[in-house]
Amino acid sequence: MLRHEFQPGRLVAGTFLTLAGIIYVGDAGDAWETPWFVVIPIVIGGLCLAAAVALMTRGIRRRRSTATPTKAHPAPPDPAPNSSREAPH
């Protein structure tokens, strides 16, 4: 059972930021030489792609939620009349 809903935009952002971290760790460990400006397009591109994915996901979920009611968000029940109050005469 999922504890929260899946958010693909955050997955994309996390993937690109992890990639940037791996690039810097490889450079710090002398595995390869990376110029400092290489990571900037990776981070900016990843954040822009994550924003696009998040907006697309939001649009899809909004369209699906208005099209059909789901079990996760049922309609509220009709309020029951209060029998303890009487109308004034």
PDB file of N, CA and C in Angstrom:
ATOM      1  N   MET A   1       0.844  -1.172   0.000  1.00  0.00           N
ATOM      2  CA  MET A   1       0.000   0.000   0.000  1.00  0.00           C
ATOM      3  C   MET A   1       0.893   1.241   0.000  1.00  0.00           C
ATOM      4  N   LEU A   2       0.578   2.182  -0.876  1.00  0.00           N
ATOM      5  CA  LEU A   2       1.341   3.419  -0.954  1.00  0.00           C
ATOM      6  C   LEU A   2       0.964   4.347   0.198  1.00  0.00           C
ATOM      7  N   ARG A   3       1.966   4.993   0.766  1.00  0.00           N
ATOM      8  CA  ARG A   3       1.699   5.944   1.846  1.00  0.00           C
ATOM      9  C   ARG A   3       1.416   7.338   1.307  1.00  0.00           C
ATOM     10  N   HIS A   4       1.839   7.594   0.094  1.00  0.00           N
ATOM     11  CA  HIS A   4       1.584   8.873  -0.561  1.00  0.00           C
ATOM     12  C   HIS A   4       1.501   8.635  -2.058  1.00  0.00           C
ATOM     13  N   GLU A   5       0.982   9.619  -2.756  1.00  0.00           N
ATOM     14  CA  GLU A   5       0.850   9.446  -4.196  1.00  0.00           C
ATOM     15  C   GLU A   5       2.192   9.665  -4.887  1.00  0.00           C
ATOM     16  N   PHE A   6       2.371   8.974  -5.976  1.00  0.00           N
ATOM     17  CA  PHE A   6       3.605   9.042  -6.754  1.00  0.00           C
ATOM     18  C   PHE A   6       3.685  10.389  -7.466  1.00  0.00           C
ATOM     19  N   GLN A   7       4.840  11.053  -7.380  1.00  0.00           N
ATOM     20  CA  GLN A   7       5.039  12.345  -8.019  1.00  0.00           C
ATOM     21  C   GLN A   7       6.227  12.252  -8.982  1.00  0.00           C
ATOM     22  N   PRO A   8       5.947  12.060 -10.270  1.00  0.00           N
ATOM     23  CA  PRO A   8       7.024  11.869 -11.236  1.00  0.00           C
ATOM     24  C   PRO A   8       7.950  13.076 -11.384  1.00  0.00           C
ATOM     25  N   GLY A   9       7.450  14.282 -11.178  1.00  0.00           N
ATOM     26  CA  GLY A   9       8.290  15.471 -11.283  1.00  0.00           C
ATOM     27  C   GLY A   9       9.421  15.455 -10.264  1.00  0.00           C
ATOM     28  N   ARG A  10       9.123  15.021  -9.065  1.00  0.00           N
ATOM     29  CA  ARG A  10      10.155  14.931  -8.033  1.00  0.00           C
ATOM     30  C   ARG A  10      11.159  13.826  -8.341  1.00  0.00           C
ATOM     31  N   LEU A  11      10.686  12.766  -8.972  1.00  0.00           N
ATOM     32  CA  LEU A  11      11.590  11.691  -9.377  1.00  0.00           C
ATOM     33  C   LEU A  11      12.588  12.198 -10.419  1.00  0.00           C
ATOM     34  N   VAL A  12      12.109  12.949 -11.387  1.00  0.00           N
ATOM     35  CA  VAL A  12      12.990  13.493 -12.425  1.00  0.00           C
ATOM     36  C   VAL A  12      13.988  14.470 -11.814  1.00  0.00           C
ATOM     37  N   ALA A  13      13.520  15.361 -10.954  1.00  0.00           N
ATOM     38  CA  ALA A  13      14.417  16.323 -10.307  1.00  0.00           C
ATOM     39  C   ALA A  13      15.473  15.603  -9.467  1.00  0.00           C
ATOM     40  N   GLY A  14      15.067  14.616  -8.715  1.00  0.00           N
ATOM     41  CA  GLY A  14      16.010  13.856  -7.905  1.00  0.00           C
ATOM     42  C   GLY A  14      17.031  13.116  -8.731  1.00  0.00           C
ATOM     43  N   THR A  15      16.607  12.600  -9.867  1.00  0.00           N
ATOM     44  CA  THR A  15      17.533  11.878 -10.750  1.00  0.00           C
ATOM     45  C   THR A  15      18.618  12.805 -11.291  1.00  0.00           C
ATOM     46  N   PHE A  16      18.218  13.986 -11.752  1.00  0.00           N
ATOM     47  CA  PHE A  16      19.204  14.916 -12.304  1.00  0.00           C
ATOM     48  C   PHE A  16      20.116  15.486 -11.218  1.00  0.00           C
ATOM     49  N   LEU A  17      19.582  15.751 -10.041  1.00  0.00           N
ATOM     50  CA  LEU A  17      20.435  16.249  -8.958  1.00  0.00           C
ATOM     51  C   LEU A  17      21.388  15.163  -8.461  1.00  0.00           C
ATOM     52  N   THR A  18      20.933  13.920  -8.465  1.00  0.00           N
ATOM     53  CA  THR A  18      21.824  12.813  -8.118  1.00  0.00           C
ATOM     54  C   THR A  18      22.934  12.672  -9.156  1.00  0.00           C
ATOM     55  N   LEU A  19      22.588  12.831 -10.419  1.00  0.00           N
ATOM     56  CA  LEU A  19      23.593  12.789 -11.481  1.00  0.00           C
ATOM     57  C   LEU A  19      24.633  13.887 -11.290  1.00  0.00           C
ATOM     58  N   ALA A  20      24.190  15.090 -10.946  1.00  0.00           N
ATOM     59  CA  ALA A  20      25.128  16.190 -10.685  1.00  0.00           C
ATOM     60  C   ALA A  20      26.027  15.857  -9.502  1.00  0.00           C
ATOM     61  N   GLY A  21      25.476  15.260  -8.480  1.00  0.00           N
ATOM     62  CA  GLY A  21      26.283  14.853  -7.328  1.00  0.00           C
ATOM     63  C   GLY A  21      27.306  13.790  -7.687  1.00  0.00           C
ATOM     64  N   ILE A  22      26.910  12.833  -8.511  1.00  0.00           N
ATOM     65  CA  ILE A  22      27.840  11.776  -8.941  1.00  0.00           C
ATOM     66  C   ILE A  22      28.977  12.373  -9.770  1.00  0.00           C
ATOM     67  N   ILE A  23      28.648  13.354 -10.603  1.00  0.00           N
ATOM     68  CA  ILE A  23      29.695  14.005 -11.398  1.00  0.00           C
ATOM     69  C   ILE A  23      30.707  14.690 -10.484  1.00  0.00           C
ATOM     70  N   TYR A  24      30.222  15.398  -9.464  1.00  0.00           N
ATOM     71  CA  TYR A  24      31.146  16.068  -8.544  1.00  0.00           C
ATOM     72  C   TYR A  24      31.924  15.082  -7.688  1.00  0.00           C
ATOM     73  N   VAL A  25      31.310  13.989  -7.279  1.00  0.00           N
ATOM     74  CA  VAL A  25      32.023  12.977  -6.488  1.00  0.00           C
ATOM     75  C   VAL A  25      33.116  12.324  -7.323  1.00  0.00           C
ATOM     76  N   GLY A  26      32.831  12.042  -8.583  1.00  0.00           N
ATOM     77  CA  GLY A  26      33.851  11.480  -9.463  1.00  0.00           C
ATOM     78  C   GLY A  26      35.002  12.436  -9.672  1.00  0.00           C
ATOM     79  N   ASP A  27      34.698  13.719  -9.758  1.00  0.00           N
ATOM     80  CA  ASP A  27      35.743  14.718  -9.910  1.00  0.00           C
ATOM     81  C   ASP A  27      36.555  14.844  -8.623  1.00  0.00           C
ATOM     82  N   ALA A  28      35.901  14.815  -7.488  1.00  0.00           N
ATOM     83  CA  ALA A  28      36.612  14.927  -6.210  1.00  0.00           C
ATOM     84  C   ALA A  28      37.467  13.697  -5.932  1.00  0.00           C
ATOM     85  N   GLY A  29      37.027  12.531  -6.394  1.00  0.00           N
ATOM     86  CA  GLY A  29      37.779  11.297  -6.183  1.00  0.00           C
ATOM     87  C   GLY A  29      38.839  11.045  -7.241  1.00  0.00           C
ATOM     88  N   ASP A  30      39.084  12.014  -8.098  1.00  0.00           N
ATOM     89  CA  ASP A  30      40.070  11.916  -9.178  1.00  0.00           C
ATOM     90  C   ASP A  30      39.774  10.777 -10.151  1.00  0.00           C
ATOM     91  N   ALA A  31      38.505  10.425 -10.298  1.00  0.00           N
ATOM     92  CA  ALA A  31      38.133   9.422 -11.292  1.00  0.00           C
ATOM     93  C   ALA A  31      38.108  10.049 -12.684  1.00  0.00           C
ATOM     94  N   TRP A  32      37.761  11.335 -12.755  1.00  0.00           N
ATOM     95  CA  TRP A  32      37.766  12.090 -13.995  1.00  0.00           C
ATOM     96  C   TRP A  32      37.871  13.568 -13.662  1.00  0.00           C
ATOM     97  N   GLU A  33      38.097  14.363 -14.664  1.00  0.00           N
ATOM     98  CA  GLU A  33      38.216  15.816 -14.506  1.00  0.00           C
ATOM     99  C   GLU A  33      36.967  16.468 -15.088  1.00  0.00           C
ATOM    100  N   THR A  34      36.257  17.238 -14.279  1.00  0.00           N
ATOM    101  CA  THR A  34      35.026  17.881 -14.714  1.00  0.00           C
ATOM    102  C   THR A  34      35.155  19.391 -14.518  1.00  0.00           C
ATOM    103  N   PRO A  35      34.978  20.179 -15.567  1.00  0.00           N
ATOM    104  CA  PRO A  35      34.946  21.629 -15.381  1.00  0.00           C
ATOM    105  C   PRO A  35      33.721  22.032 -14.557  1.00  0.00           C
ATOM    106  N   TRP A  36      33.817  23.102 -13.803  1.00  0.00           N
ATOM    107  CA  TRP A  36      32.740  23.488 -12.898  1.00  0.00           C
ATOM    108  C   TRP A  36      31.458  23.842 -13.636  1.00  0.00           C
ATOM    109  N   PHE A  37      31.549  24.334 -14.860  1.00  0.00           N
ATOM    110  CA  PHE A  37      30.363  24.802 -15.576  1.00  0.00           C
ATOM    111  C   PHE A  37      29.575  23.686 -16.261  1.00  0.00           C
ATOM    112  N   VAL A  38      30.055  22.469 -16.216  1.00  0.00           N
ATOM    113  CA  VAL A  38      29.361  21.362 -16.873  1.00  0.00           C
ATOM    114  C   VAL A  38      28.078  20.994 -16.130  1.00  0.00           C
ATOM    115  N   VAL A  39      28.082  21.145 -14.841  1.00  0.00           N
ATOM    116  CA  VAL A  39      26.944  20.698 -14.036  1.00  0.00           C
ATOM    117  C   VAL A  39      25.768  21.672 -14.126  1.00  0.00           C
ATOM    118  N   ILE A  40      26.031  22.927 -14.419  1.00  0.00           N
ATOM    119  CA  ILE A  40      24.959  23.926 -14.461  1.00  0.00           C
ATOM    120  C   ILE A  40      23.876  23.564 -15.486  1.00  0.00           C
ATOM    121  N   PRO A  41      24.207  23.218 -16.722  1.00  0.00           N
ATOM    122  CA  PRO A  41      23.136  22.834 -17.662  1.00  0.00           C
ATOM    123  C   PRO A  41      22.406  21.557 -17.245  1.00  0.00           C
ATOM    124  N   ILE A  42      23.112  20.653 -16.589  1.00  0.00           N
ATOM    125  CA  ILE A  42      22.460  19.415 -16.133  1.00  0.00           C
ATOM    126  C   ILE A  42      21.414  19.737 -15.072  1.00  0.00           C
ATOM    127  N   VAL A  43      21.777  20.577 -14.108  1.00  0.00           N
ATOM    128  CA  VAL A  43      20.842  20.923 -13.027  1.00  0.00           C
ATOM    129  C   VAL A  43      19.682  21.758 -13.569  1.00  0.00           C
ATOM    130  N   ILE A  44      19.970  22.787 -14.356  1.00  0.00           N
ATOM    131  CA  ILE A  44      18.906  23.645 -14.891  1.00  0.00           C
ATOM    132  C   ILE A  44      17.993  22.853 -15.834  1.00  0.00           C
ATOM    133  N   GLY A  45      18.582  22.052 -16.709  1.00  0.00           N
ATOM    134  CA  GLY A  45      17.772  21.235 -17.610  1.00  0.00           C
ATOM    135  C   GLY A  45      16.918  20.225 -16.860  1.00  0.00           C
ATOM    136  N   GLY A  46      17.484  19.619 -15.821  1.00  0.00           N
ATOM    137  CA  GLY A  46      16.728  18.659 -15.026  1.00  0.00           C
ATOM    138  C   GLY A  46      15.567  19.307 -14.286  1.00  0.00           C
ATOM    139  N   LEU A  47      15.795  20.502 -13.747  1.00  0.00           N
ATOM    140  CA  LEU A  47      14.720  21.196 -13.036  1.00  0.00           C
ATOM    141  C   LEU A  47      13.620  21.649 -14.004  1.00  0.00           C
ATOM    142  N   CYS A  48      14.005  22.093 -15.196  1.00  0.00           N
ATOM    143  CA  CYS A  48      12.994  22.475 -16.195  1.00  0.00           C
ATOM    144  C   CYS A  48      12.191  21.259 -16.658  1.00  0.00           C
ATOM    145  N   LEU A  49      12.866  20.152 -16.877  1.00  0.00           N
ATOM    146  CA  LEU A  49      12.173  18.928 -17.269  1.00  0.00           C
ATOM    147  C   LEU A  49      11.256  18.440 -16.149  1.00  0.00           C
ATOM    148  N   ALA A  50      11.717  18.545 -14.903  1.00  0.00           N
ATOM    149  CA  ALA A  50      10.887  18.140 -13.761  1.00  0.00           C
ATOM    150  C   ALA A  50       9.648  19.015 -13.650  1.00  0.00           C
ATOM    151  N   ALA A  51       9.795  20.309 -13.906  1.00  0.00           N
ATOM    152  CA  ALA A  51       8.638  21.202 -13.861  1.00  0.00           C
ATOM    153  C   ALA A  51       7.635  20.838 -14.952  1.00  0.00           C
ATOM    154  N   ALA A  52       8.128  20.539 -16.149  1.00  0.00           N
ATOM    155  CA  ALA A  52       7.232  20.152 -17.246  1.00  0.00           C
ATOM    156  C   ALA A  52       6.496  18.852 -16.920  1.00  0.00           C
ATOM    157  N   VAL A  53       7.207  17.895 -16.349  1.00  0.00           N
ATOM    158  CA  VAL A  53       6.580  16.615 -15.979  1.00  0.00           C
ATOM    159  C   VAL A  53       5.555  16.832 -14.878  1.00  0.00           C
ATOM    160  N   ALA A  54       5.867  17.678 -13.903  1.00  0.00           N
ATOM    161  CA  ALA A  54       4.924  17.942 -12.812  1.00  0.00           C
ATOM    162  C   ALA A  54       3.665  18.630 -13.320  1.00  0.00           C
ATOM    163  N   LEU A  55       3.812  19.586 -14.229  1.00  0.00           N
ATOM    164  CA  LEU A  55       2.634  20.250 -14.786  1.00  0.00           C
ATOM    165  C   LEU A  55       1.788  19.285 -15.612  1.00  0.00           C
ATOM    166  N   MET A  56       2.436  18.423 -16.371  1.00  0.00           N
ATOM    167  CA  MET A  56       1.706  17.443 -17.160  1.00  0.00           C
ATOM    168  C   MET A  56       0.971  16.461 -16.232  1.00  0.00           C
ATOM    169  N   THR A  57       1.633  16.025 -15.181  1.00  0.00           N
ATOM    170  CA  THR A  57       0.999  15.114 -14.229  1.00  0.00           C
ATOM    171  C   THR A  57      -0.192  15.774 -13.550  1.00  0.00           C
ATOM    172  N   ARG A  58      -0.041  17.042 -13.190  1.00  0.00           N
ATOM    173  CA  ARG A  58      -1.138  17.771 -12.547  1.00  0.00           C
ATOM    174  C   ARG A  58      -2.333  17.884 -13.485  1.00  0.00           C
ATOM    175  N   GLY A  59      -2.071  18.190 -14.747  1.00  0.00           N
ATOM    176  CA  GLY A  59      -3.159  18.286 -15.711  1.00  0.00           C
ATOM    177  C   GLY A  59      -3.874  16.966 -15.922  1.00  0.00           C
ATOM    178  N   ILE A  60      -3.115  15.890 -16.001  1.00  0.00           N
ATOM    179  CA  ILE A  60      -3.719  14.570 -16.184  1.00  0.00           C
ATOM    180  C   ILE A  60      -4.550  14.196 -14.969  1.00  0.00           C
ATOM    181  N   ARG A  61      -4.023  14.428 -13.776  1.00  0.00           N
ATOM    182  CA  ARG A  61      -4.770  14.065 -12.564  1.00  0.00           C
ATOM    183  C   ARG A  61      -6.010  14.927 -12.386  1.00  0.00           C
ATOM    184  N   ARG A  62      -5.912  16.197 -12.749  1.00  0.00           N
ATOM    185  CA  ARG A  62      -7.074  17.083 -12.636  1.00  0.00           C
ATOM    186  C   ARG A  62      -8.167  16.644 -13.600  1.00  0.00           C
ATOM    187  N   ARG A  63      -7.773  16.273 -14.823  1.00  0.00           N
ATOM    188  CA  ARG A  63      -8.753  15.826 -15.812  1.00  0.00           C
ATOM    189  C   ARG A  63      -9.426  14.533 -15.364  1.00  0.00           C
ATOM    190  N   ARG A  64      -8.642  13.614 -14.824  1.00  0.00           N
ATOM    191  CA  ARG A  64      -9.214  12.337 -14.368  1.00  0.00           C
ATOM    192  C   ARG A  64     -10.112  12.521 -13.165  1.00  0.00           C
ATOM    193  N   SER A  65      -9.760  13.433 -12.247  1.00  0.00           N
ATOM    194  CA  SER A  65     -10.565  13.608 -11.039  1.00  0.00           C
ATOM    195  C   SER A  65     -11.903  14.266 -11.347  1.00  0.00           C
ATOM    196  N   THR A  66     -11.957  15.133 -12.349  1.00  0.00           N
ATOM    197  CA  THR A  66     -13.238  15.761 -12.695  1.00  0.00           C
ATOM    198  C   THR A  66     -14.092  14.853 -13.565  1.00  0.00           C
ATOM    199  N   ALA A  67     -13.472  13.899 -14.263  1.00  0.00           N
ATOM    200  CA  ALA A  67     -14.220  13.020 -15.153  1.00  0.00           C
ATOM    201  C   ALA A  67     -15.001  11.965 -14.372  1.00  0.00           C
ATOM    202  N   THR A  68     -14.360  11.321 -13.410  1.00  0.00           N
ATOM    203  CA  THR A  68     -15.019  10.271 -12.650  1.00  0.00           C
ATOM    204  C   THR A  68     -14.655  10.384 -11.181  1.00  0.00           C
ATOM    205  N   PRO A  69     -15.627  10.222 -10.289  1.00  0.00           N
ATOM    206  CA  PRO A  69     -15.291  10.218  -8.869  1.00  0.00           C
ATOM    207  C   PRO A  69     -14.546   8.931  -8.508  1.00  0.00           C
ATOM    208  N   THR A  70     -13.614   9.034  -7.600  1.00  0.00           N
ATOM    209  CA  THR A  70     -12.825   7.871  -7.210  1.00  0.00           C
ATOM    210  C   THR A  70     -13.154   7.461  -5.793  1.00  0.00           C
ATOM    211  N   LYS A  71     -12.676   6.302  -5.415  1.00  0.00           N
ATOM    212  CA  LYS A  71     -12.888   5.823  -4.053  1.00  0.00           C
ATOM    213  C   LYS A  71     -12.068   6.623  -3.056  1.00  0.00           C
ATOM    214  N   ALA A  72     -10.936   7.154  -3.505  1.00  0.00           N
ATOM    215  CA  ALA A  72     -10.076   7.915  -2.601  1.00  0.00           C
ATOM    216  C   ALA A  72     -10.730   9.231  -2.192  1.00  0.00           C
ATOM    217  N   HIS A  73     -11.550   9.819  -3.065  1.00  0.00           N
ATOM    218  CA  HIS A  73     -12.195  11.092  -2.777  1.00  0.00           C
ATOM    219  C   HIS A  73     -13.689  10.986  -3.058  1.00  0.00           C
ATOM    220  N   PRO A  74     -14.427  10.289  -2.207  1.00  0.00           N
ATOM    221  CA  PRO A  74     -15.865  10.169  -2.471  1.00  0.00           C
ATOM    222  C   PRO A  74     -16.576  11.493  -2.195  1.00  0.00           C
ATOM    223  N   ALA A  75     -17.756  11.617  -2.766  1.00  0.00           N
ATOM    224  CA  ALA A  75     -18.559  12.815  -2.532  1.00  0.00           C
ATOM    225  C   ALA A  75     -19.016  12.840  -1.076  1.00  0.00           C
ATOM    226  N   PRO A  76     -19.117  14.016  -0.466  1.00  0.00           N
ATOM    227  CA  PRO A  76     -19.559  14.070   0.930  1.00  0.00           C
ATOM    228  C   PRO A  76     -21.020  13.654   1.039  1.00  0.00           C
ATOM    229  N   PRO A  77     -21.378  13.036   2.155  1.00  0.00           N
ATOM    230  CA  PRO A  77     -22.768  12.602   2.324  1.00  0.00           C
ATOM    231  C   PRO A  77     -23.685  13.808   2.520  1.00  0.00           C
ATOM    232  N   ASP A  78     -24.971  13.613   2.196  1.00  0.00           N
ATOM    233  CA  ASP A  78     -25.949  14.673   2.407  1.00  0.00           C
ATOM    234  C   ASP A  78     -26.153  14.868   3.900  1.00  0.00           C
ATOM    235  N   PRO A  79     -26.262  16.115   4.351  1.00  0.00           N
ATOM    236  CA  PRO A  79     -26.461  16.336   5.789  1.00  0.00           C
ATOM    237  C   PRO A  79     -27.840  15.853   6.217  1.00  0.00           C
ATOM    238  N   ALA A  80     -27.874  15.179   7.341  1.00  0.00           N
ATOM    239  CA  ALA A  80     -29.141  14.680   7.872  1.00  0.00           C
ATOM    240  C   ALA A  80     -29.861  15.822   8.580  1.00  0.00           C
ATOM    241  N   PRO A  81     -31.172  15.858   8.477  1.00  0.00           N
ATOM    242  CA  PRO A  81     -31.914  16.919   9.184  1.00  0.00           C
ATOM    243  C   PRO A  81     -31.773  16.729  10.689  1.00  0.00           C
ATOM    244  N   ASN A  82     -31.679  17.840  11.379  1.00  0.00           N
ATOM    245  CA  ASN A  82     -31.528  17.798  12.832  1.00  0.00           C
ATOM    246  C   ASN A  82     -32.910  17.712  13.454  1.00  0.00           C
ATOM    247  N   SER A  83     -33.210  16.581  14.072  1.00  0.00           N
ATOM    248  CA  SER A  83     -34.546  16.353  14.620  1.00  0.00           C
ATOM    249  C   SER A  83     -34.726  17.038  15.969  1.00  0.00           C
ATOM    250  N   SER A  84     -33.649  17.506  16.627  1.00  0.00           N
ATOM    251  CA  SER A  84     -33.781  18.111  17.937  1.00  0.00           C
ATOM    252  C   SER A  84     -34.264  19.556  17.832  1.00  0.00           C
ATOM    253  N   ARG A  85     -34.113  20.173  16.692  1.00  0.00           N
ATOM    254  CA  ARG A  85     -34.585  21.558  16.510  1.00  0.00           C
ATOM    255  C   ARG A  85     -35.967  21.548  15.871  1.00  0.00           C
ATOM    256  N   GLU A  86     -36.776  22.436  16.343  1.00  0.00           N
ATOM    257  CA  GLU A  86     -38.088  22.601  15.744  1.00  0.00           C
ATOM    258  C   GLU A  86     -38.157  23.988  15.137  1.00  0.00           C
ATOM    259  N   ALA A  87     -38.880  24.101  14.098  1.00  0.00           N
ATOM    260  CA  ALA A  87     -39.055  25.396  13.455  1.00  0.00           C
ATOM    261  C   ALA A  87     -39.869  26.303  14.354  1.00  0.00           C
ATOM    262  N   PRO A  88     -39.492  27.582  14.447  1.00  0.00           N
ATOM    263  CA  PRO A  88     -40.289  28.510  15.286  1.00  0.00           C
ATOM    264  C   PRO A  88     -41.655  28.751  14.641  1.00  0.00           C
ATOM    265  N   HIS A  89     -42.647  28.962  15.504  1.00  0.00           N
ATOM    266  CA  HIS A  89     -44.032  29.151  15.017  1.00  0.00           C
ATOM    267  C   HIS A  89     -44.332  30.593  14.837  1.00  0.00           C
TER     268      HIS A  89
END
